[in-house]
Amino acid sequence: MNTIKIKKLHPKAVVPTRSHPHDAGLDLYALEDIEFENETKLVKTGIAIDIPEGYEAQVRPRSGMTLKTPMRVQLGTIDSGYDGDVGIIVDCRESLHVIGKGDKIAQLVISPVVTPEVETVTEFDTVSERGDKGFGSSDLSKIYMTDPDFSKLELTDINAKDFEW
């Protein structure tokens, strides 16, 4: 795919742009000023995108906004069948912050998708060495232990491979 069609749903909407020619993401802009007070809100962009079948658009955080502000953009997927306003879910971790009209707040990445049929099985054909170990099982290096009355906290070094899951 060499072209993505964008429709302005609002006259003041900003069409997504790339900061650099080879950037993976297109910058998405806020349509209006929005004030946050330690809450989650939907920020409208005022644009719609025509995503071809076999593709999706991912709304992703911008690293600068995540690093430099209390605002957190939530990852989102826009399916090929959706042609409404592209909304961005934003969490604010502080009591007061404002996103201004025209601010770059997220990026849009277009990606191919695979849509396999689902098959229910009782066992997998192969068993991996990792198995069902996850959620930090490969990098756990310290564990905090307490005595039965929770009055002491002690740091103990462990090896994740010795830990019983």
Protein backbone atom coordinates (compact mmCIF):
# COMPACT_ATOMS: atom_id res chain seq x y z
CA MET A 1 0.00 0.00 0.00
CA ASN A 2 1.48 3.34 -1.04
CA THR A 3 -1.39 5.69 -0.20
CA ILE A 4 -3.82 6.11 2.69
CA LYS A 5 -6.92 8.22 2.15
CA ILE A 6 -7.77 10.76 4.86
CA LYS A 7 -11.07 12.63 5.08
CA LYS A 8 -11.41 15.82 7.13
CA LEU A 9 -14.62 15.58 9.14
CA HIS A 10 -14.14 19.04 10.60
CA PRO A 11 -12.78 22.13 8.81
CA LYS A 12 -10.19 22.78 11.57
CA ALA A 13 -8.89 19.21 11.62
CA VAL A 14 -5.19 18.75 10.87
CA VAL A 15 -4.31 16.04 8.34
CA PRO A 16 -1.75 13.59 9.82
CA THR A 17 1.88 14.27 8.88
CA ARG A 18 5.27 12.62 9.19
CA SER A 19 8.00 14.56 10.96
CA HIS A 20 10.61 12.78 8.84
CA PRO A 21 10.15 11.04 5.44
CA HIS A 22 10.89 7.52 6.71
CA ASP A 23 9.00 7.67 10.04
CA ALA A 24 6.71 4.68 10.57
CA GLY A 25 4.01 6.78 12.20
CA LEU A 26 1.91 9.70 11.07
CA ASP A 27 1.43 12.34 13.78
CA LEU A 28 -2.17 12.77 14.96
CA TYR A 29 -3.39 16.17 16.16
CA ALA A 30 -6.02 17.18 18.72
CA LEU A 31 -9.08 18.82 17.20
CA GLU A 32 -9.88 20.96 20.25
CA ASP A 33 -8.55 22.09 23.62
CA ILE A 34 -9.23 19.51 26.33
CA GLU A 35 -8.63 19.94 30.04
CA PHE A 36 -7.84 16.88 32.14
CA GLU A 37 -8.12 16.49 35.89
CA ASN A 38 -6.63 13.08 36.76
CA GLU A 39 -8.98 11.27 34.35
CA THR A 40 -9.30 9.47 31.03
CA LYS A 41 -10.87 11.16 28.02
CA LEU A 42 -11.38 10.60 24.32
CA VAL A 43 -9.58 13.19 22.21
CA LYS A 44 -11.07 13.69 18.76
CA THR A 45 -8.93 14.33 15.70
CA GLY A 46 -11.67 15.38 13.29
CA ILE A 47 -10.40 12.99 10.61
CA ALA A 48 -11.46 9.62 9.21
CA ILE A 49 -9.20 7.17 7.43
CA ASP A 50 -10.00 4.69 4.68
CA ILE A 51 -8.14 1.58 5.75
CA PRO A 52 -8.04 -1.12 3.06
CA GLU A 53 -9.14 -4.65 3.93
CA GLY A 54 -6.19 -6.65 5.24
CA TYR A 55 -4.77 -3.67 7.17
CA GLU A 56 -5.30 -1.95 10.49
CA ALA A 57 -4.31 1.43 11.87
CA GLN A 58 -2.66 1.47 15.29
CA VAL A 59 -2.94 4.57 17.45
CA ARG A 60 0.26 4.67 19.49
CA PRO A 61 1.79 6.99 22.08
CA ARG A 62 4.39 9.55 21.06
CA SER A 63 7.57 9.00 23.08
CA GLY A 64 8.14 12.70 23.76
CA MET A 65 4.67 13.22 25.19
CA THR A 66 5.01 10.11 27.34
CA LEU A 67 8.43 11.17 28.66
CA LYS A 68 7.77 14.88 29.19
CA THR A 69 4.13 15.06 30.35
CA PRO A 70 1.74 13.25 32.69
CA MET A 71 -0.36 12.25 29.67
CA ARG A 72 -0.54 8.61 28.54
CA VAL A 73 -2.03 7.65 25.18
CA GLN A 74 -3.57 4.19 25.20
CA LEU A 75 -2.75 1.86 22.32
CA GLY A 76 -5.72 1.45 20.01
CA THR A 77 -6.64 -0.44 16.87
CA ILE A 78 -8.77 0.95 14.07
CA ASP A 79 -10.17 -1.82 11.87
CA SER A 80 -10.61 -1.54 8.12
CA GLY A 81 -14.40 -1.36 8.42
CA TYR A 82 -14.40 1.79 10.61
CA ASP A 83 -14.70 5.14 8.85
CA GLY A 84 -15.68 7.46 11.71
CA ASP A 85 -13.70 10.07 13.65
CA VAL A 86 -10.30 8.77 14.77
CA GLY A 87 -10.38 9.10 18.55
CA ILE A 88 -7.42 8.90 20.90
CA ILE A 89 -7.85 7.59 24.46
CA VAL A 90 -5.69 9.66 26.82
CA ASP A 91 -5.09 9.17 30.56
CA CYS A 92 -3.82 12.03 32.72
CA ARG A 93 -1.81 11.16 35.85
CA GLU A 94 -1.93 14.62 37.41
CA SER A 95 -4.63 16.87 38.74
CA LEU A 96 -4.60 19.36 35.86
CA HIS A 97 -3.20 19.28 32.34
CA VAL A 98 -4.38 20.68 29.02
CA ILE A 99 -4.01 19.33 25.50
CA GLY A 100 -4.24 22.22 23.09
CA LYS A 101 -6.01 22.34 19.75
CA GLY A 102 -3.50 21.28 17.10
CA ASP A 103 -1.12 19.54 19.55
CA LYS A 104 0.57 16.36 18.29
CA ILE A 105 -0.67 13.75 20.73
CA ALA A 106 -0.29 10.33 19.12
CA GLN A 107 0.94 8.56 16.05
CA LEU A 108 -0.86 6.41 13.52
CA VAL A 109 0.87 3.32 12.15
CA ILE A 110 -0.67 1.32 9.30
CA SER A 111 0.06 -2.43 9.46
CA PRO A 112 -1.04 -5.57 7.63
CA VAL A 113 -3.12 -8.02 9.66
CA VAL A 114 -3.52 -11.77 9.62
CA THR A 115 -7.00 -13.14 10.35
CA PRO A 116 -6.65 -16.90 10.88
CA GLU A 117 -9.57 -19.17 11.65
CA VAL A 118 -9.82 -20.18 15.33
CA GLU A 119 -9.47 -23.87 16.17
CA THR A 120 -10.16 -25.11 19.70
CA VAL A 121 -7.79 -27.87 20.86
CA THR A 122 -7.14 -29.76 24.07
CA GLU A 123 -3.37 -29.93 23.51
CA PHE A 124 -0.88 -28.11 21.28
CA ASP A 125 1.10 -30.04 18.65
CA THR A 126 4.39 -28.96 20.19
CA VAL A 127 5.47 -27.98 23.70
CA SER A 128 7.92 -25.12 24.16
CA GLU A 129 10.67 -24.97 26.76
CA ARG A 130 9.08 -21.83 28.19
CA GLY A 131 5.65 -23.39 28.57
CA ASP A 132 3.23 -21.23 30.53
CA LYS A 133 5.89 -19.18 32.33
CA GLY A 134 5.37 -15.48 31.73
CA PHE A 135 4.85 -12.17 33.50
CA GLY A 136 8.52 -11.57 34.27
CA SER A 137 9.53 -15.20 34.75
CA SER A 138 12.73 -14.78 32.74
CA ASP A 139 13.98 -11.65 34.49
CA LEU A 140 12.95 -12.07 38.13
CA SER A 141 16.08 -11.50 40.18
CA LYS A 142 14.86 -10.33 43.60
CA ILE A 143 11.88 -11.19 45.71
CA TYR A 144 10.59 -9.44 48.80
CA MET A 145 9.77 -11.74 51.69
CA THR A 146 7.82 -10.96 54.86
CA ASP A 147 7.52 -12.87 58.07
CA PRO A 148 4.08 -14.26 59.00
CA ASP A 149 3.00 -11.14 60.90
CA PHE A 150 4.22 -8.86 58.05
CA SER A 151 6.40 -6.87 60.42
CA LYS A 152 9.71 -7.38 58.58
CA LEU A 153 10.59 -6.92 54.95
CA GLU A 154 13.67 -8.62 53.63
CA LEU A 155 15.18 -8.59 50.14
CA THR A 156 16.38 -11.97 48.92
CA ASP A 157 18.32 -12.71 45.74
CA ILE A 158 16.92 -15.57 43.74
CA ASN A 159 17.44 -17.17 40.37
CA ALA A 160 14.26 -17.19 38.27
CA LYS A 161 15.10 -20.68 37.00
CA ASP A 162 15.00 -22.01 40.58
CA PHE A 163 11.63 -20.43 41.28
CA GLU A 164 8.66 -22.83 41.30
CA TRP A 165 5.90 -21.51 39.05
